[in-house]
Amino acid sequence: MAIDVTVRRVIPLPPGQVAAYAMDWRHDAEWTQGIRTAELTRSADGGGFGVGAEVTRTAYFLTRRIHYVLRVAAYEPPRLLDMTSVAGPMPMHVTYSFEPHPRGTQARIRVRGGPGGLFRLAAPLLARQVRASLTKDLRDLERRLTGREGDT
């Protein structure tokens, strides 16, 4: 069973401001569920962060510690960051997008992949957990950027 989960949230700030923070791997652990560390382990083809760059993340998911590496497949600030896993417990494709919205920015995260190993047995649970985590990620992103606490 393949996983394909998309969550959206309108954040009351301009797309450039939201994307600049969310697309910066140095902030991953501040707003992304379960991520403990993120490290740029390969620079982009032209140096720095961009297409070809790789970020290694250490996270906890369903009580398991996992390490995975995401390679940047597309990087079009402030609109799009698309990454695919090149190492980790399951194949994964993560897309962040940010579009203008009358109330600010329509932020969207989409995660696609096929559960591997032990995760294959728990695919329905995994999809629900991914949706819950991504929903909280966008809520936390908004809180961090706007300074609002207690919003849902």
Protein backbone atom coordinates (compact mmCIF):
# COMPACT_ATOMS: atom_id res chain seq x y z
CA MET A 1 0.00 0.00 0.00
CA ALA A 2 1.48 3.33 -1.03
CA ILE A 3 1.18 6.36 1.18
CA ASP A 4 0.14 9.70 -0.32
CA VAL A 5 -0.73 12.32 2.29
CA THR A 6 -1.21 16.05 1.70
CA VAL A 7 -1.95 18.68 4.33
CA ARG A 8 -2.57 22.41 3.83
CA ARG A 9 -2.77 25.45 6.06
CA VAL A 10 -3.19 29.16 5.41
CA ILE A 11 -0.51 31.09 7.28
CA PRO A 12 -1.16 34.86 7.60
CA LEU A 13 2.26 35.92 6.28
CA PRO A 14 3.71 36.47 2.79
CA PRO A 15 4.93 33.35 0.92
CA GLY A 16 8.52 34.59 0.85
CA GLN A 17 8.67 34.85 4.63
CA VAL A 18 7.05 31.45 5.24
CA ALA A 19 9.16 29.69 2.59
CA ALA A 20 12.45 31.25 3.69
CA TYR A 21 12.03 29.70 7.13
CA ALA A 22 10.41 26.40 6.15
CA MET A 23 12.84 25.64 3.30
CA ASP A 24 15.90 26.22 5.50
CA TRP A 25 17.07 22.80 6.74
CA ARG A 26 18.63 24.49 9.80
CA HIS A 27 15.08 25.04 11.13
CA ASP A 28 13.82 21.47 10.53
CA ALA A 29 14.03 20.40 14.19
CA GLU A 30 12.22 23.56 15.33
CA TRP A 31 8.92 22.88 13.57
CA THR A 32 8.93 19.38 12.08
CA GLN A 33 7.52 16.52 14.19
CA GLY A 34 10.01 14.07 15.56
CA ILE A 35 13.12 15.56 13.95
CA ARG A 36 15.93 15.83 16.47
CA THR A 37 18.75 16.81 14.13
CA ALA A 38 19.20 17.87 10.53
CA GLU A 39 22.56 18.28 8.84
CA LEU A 40 23.56 19.33 5.35
CA THR A 41 25.70 16.33 4.38
CA ARG A 42 26.14 17.13 0.69
CA SER A 43 26.15 20.54 -0.95
CA ALA A 44 24.22 21.34 -4.08
CA ASP A 45 25.92 20.99 -7.42
CA GLY A 46 26.70 24.73 -7.39
CA GLY A 47 27.48 24.79 -3.64
CA GLY A 48 25.25 25.49 -0.65
CA PHE A 49 21.63 24.34 -0.55
CA GLY A 50 19.76 23.58 -3.76
CA VAL A 51 19.25 20.84 -6.34
CA GLY A 52 21.49 17.90 -5.51
CA ALA A 53 22.03 18.87 -1.86
CA GLU A 54 21.41 16.20 0.75
CA VAL A 55 20.11 16.66 4.28
CA THR A 56 20.51 13.88 6.82
CA ARG A 57 17.80 13.84 9.48
CA THR A 58 17.55 11.91 12.73
CA ALA A 59 13.96 11.55 13.88
CA TYR A 60 11.61 9.58 16.06
CA PHE A 61 8.52 8.14 14.44
CA LEU A 62 6.12 5.67 16.07
CA THR A 63 8.64 5.42 18.96
CA ARG A 64 11.45 4.35 16.62
CA ARG A 65 14.63 6.31 16.03
CA ILE A 66 15.27 6.60 12.31
CA HIS A 67 17.93 8.17 10.15
CA TYR A 68 17.20 9.18 6.60
CA VAL A 69 18.75 11.25 3.85
CA LEU A 70 16.70 13.52 1.58
CA ARG A 71 18.14 14.75 -1.72
CA VAL A 72 16.80 17.99 -3.19
CA ALA A 73 15.17 17.25 -6.55
CA ALA A 74 13.65 20.71 -7.13
CA TYR A 75 14.31 24.00 -5.37
CA GLU A 76 12.36 27.05 -6.54
CA PRO A 77 12.17 29.53 -3.64
CA PRO A 78 9.77 30.79 -2.46
CA ARG A 79 7.41 28.39 -4.22
CA LEU A 80 8.70 24.82 -4.07
CA LEU A 81 11.08 22.43 -2.33
CA ASP A 82 10.89 18.83 -3.52
CA MET A 83 13.01 16.07 -1.96
CA THR A 84 13.38 12.32 -2.33
CA SER A 85 14.90 9.87 0.11
CA VAL A 86 18.16 8.28 -0.91
CA ALA A 87 18.67 6.42 2.38
CA GLY A 88 16.30 5.45 5.16
CA PRO A 89 13.74 2.94 6.36
CA MET A 90 11.34 3.52 3.45
CA PRO A 91 11.24 5.25 0.07
CA MET A 92 9.84 8.74 0.51
CA HIS A 93 9.09 11.84 -1.57
CA VAL A 94 8.47 15.08 0.35
CA THR A 95 7.18 18.26 -1.29
CA TYR A 96 6.78 21.64 0.38
CA SER A 97 4.92 24.31 -1.58
CA PHE A 98 3.94 27.87 -0.78
CA GLU A 99 1.42 29.83 -2.84
CA PRO A 100 -0.08 33.31 -2.38
CA HIS A 101 -3.48 33.27 -0.69
CA PRO A 102 -5.85 36.19 0.06
CA ARG A 103 -5.08 35.70 3.77
CA GLY A 104 -1.32 35.14 3.37
CA THR A 105 0.26 31.87 2.23
CA GLN A 106 -1.25 28.52 1.36
CA ALA A 107 1.40 26.18 2.78
CA ARG A 108 1.26 22.56 1.66
CA ILE A 109 3.25 19.46 2.56
CA ARG A 110 2.85 16.26 0.59
CA VAL A 111 4.51 12.98 1.56
CA ARG A 112 4.45 10.00 -0.79
CA GLY A 113 6.11 6.68 -0.41
CA GLY A 114 5.84 3.02 0.09
CA PRO A 115 6.32 1.66 3.56
CA GLY A 116 9.25 -0.68 3.80
CA GLY A 117 10.30 -3.29 6.33
CA LEU A 118 8.21 -3.36 9.49
CA PHE A 119 6.33 -0.24 8.39
CA ARG A 120 4.69 -2.21 5.54
CA LEU A 121 2.51 -4.09 8.03
CA ALA A 122 1.25 -0.87 9.54
CA ALA A 123 0.59 1.15 6.35
CA PRO A 124 -2.91 2.39 7.34
CA LEU A 125 -1.68 3.42 10.79
CA LEU A 126 1.39 4.97 9.21
CA ALA A 127 -0.70 7.10 6.83
CA ARG A 128 -2.87 8.37 9.71
CA GLN A 129 0.21 9.14 11.79
CA VAL A 130 1.88 10.96 8.87
CA ARG A 131 -1.27 13.09 8.37
CA ALA A 132 -1.42 13.94 12.09
CA SER A 133 2.28 14.80 12.18
CA LEU A 134 2.14 16.98 9.06
CA THR A 135 -0.95 18.81 10.36
CA LYS A 136 0.92 19.59 13.57
CA ASP A 137 4.01 20.60 11.57
CA LEU A 138 2.09 23.31 9.70
CA ARG A 139 0.41 24.48 12.90
CA ASP A 140 3.81 24.69 14.61
CA LEU A 141 5.27 26.49 11.59
CA GLU A 142 2.56 29.13 11.84
CA ARG A 143 3.03 29.48 15.60
CA ARG A 144 6.79 29.87 15.27
CA LEU A 145 6.49 32.50 12.53
CA THR A 146 3.60 34.51 14.00
CA GLY A 147 4.34 34.11 17.70
CA ARG A 148 0.80 32.83 18.26
CA GLU A 149 0.34 30.17 20.91
CA GLY A 150 -2.74 28.10 21.49
CA ASP A 151 -4.19 28.38 17.96
CA THR A 152 -5.44 25.22 16.31
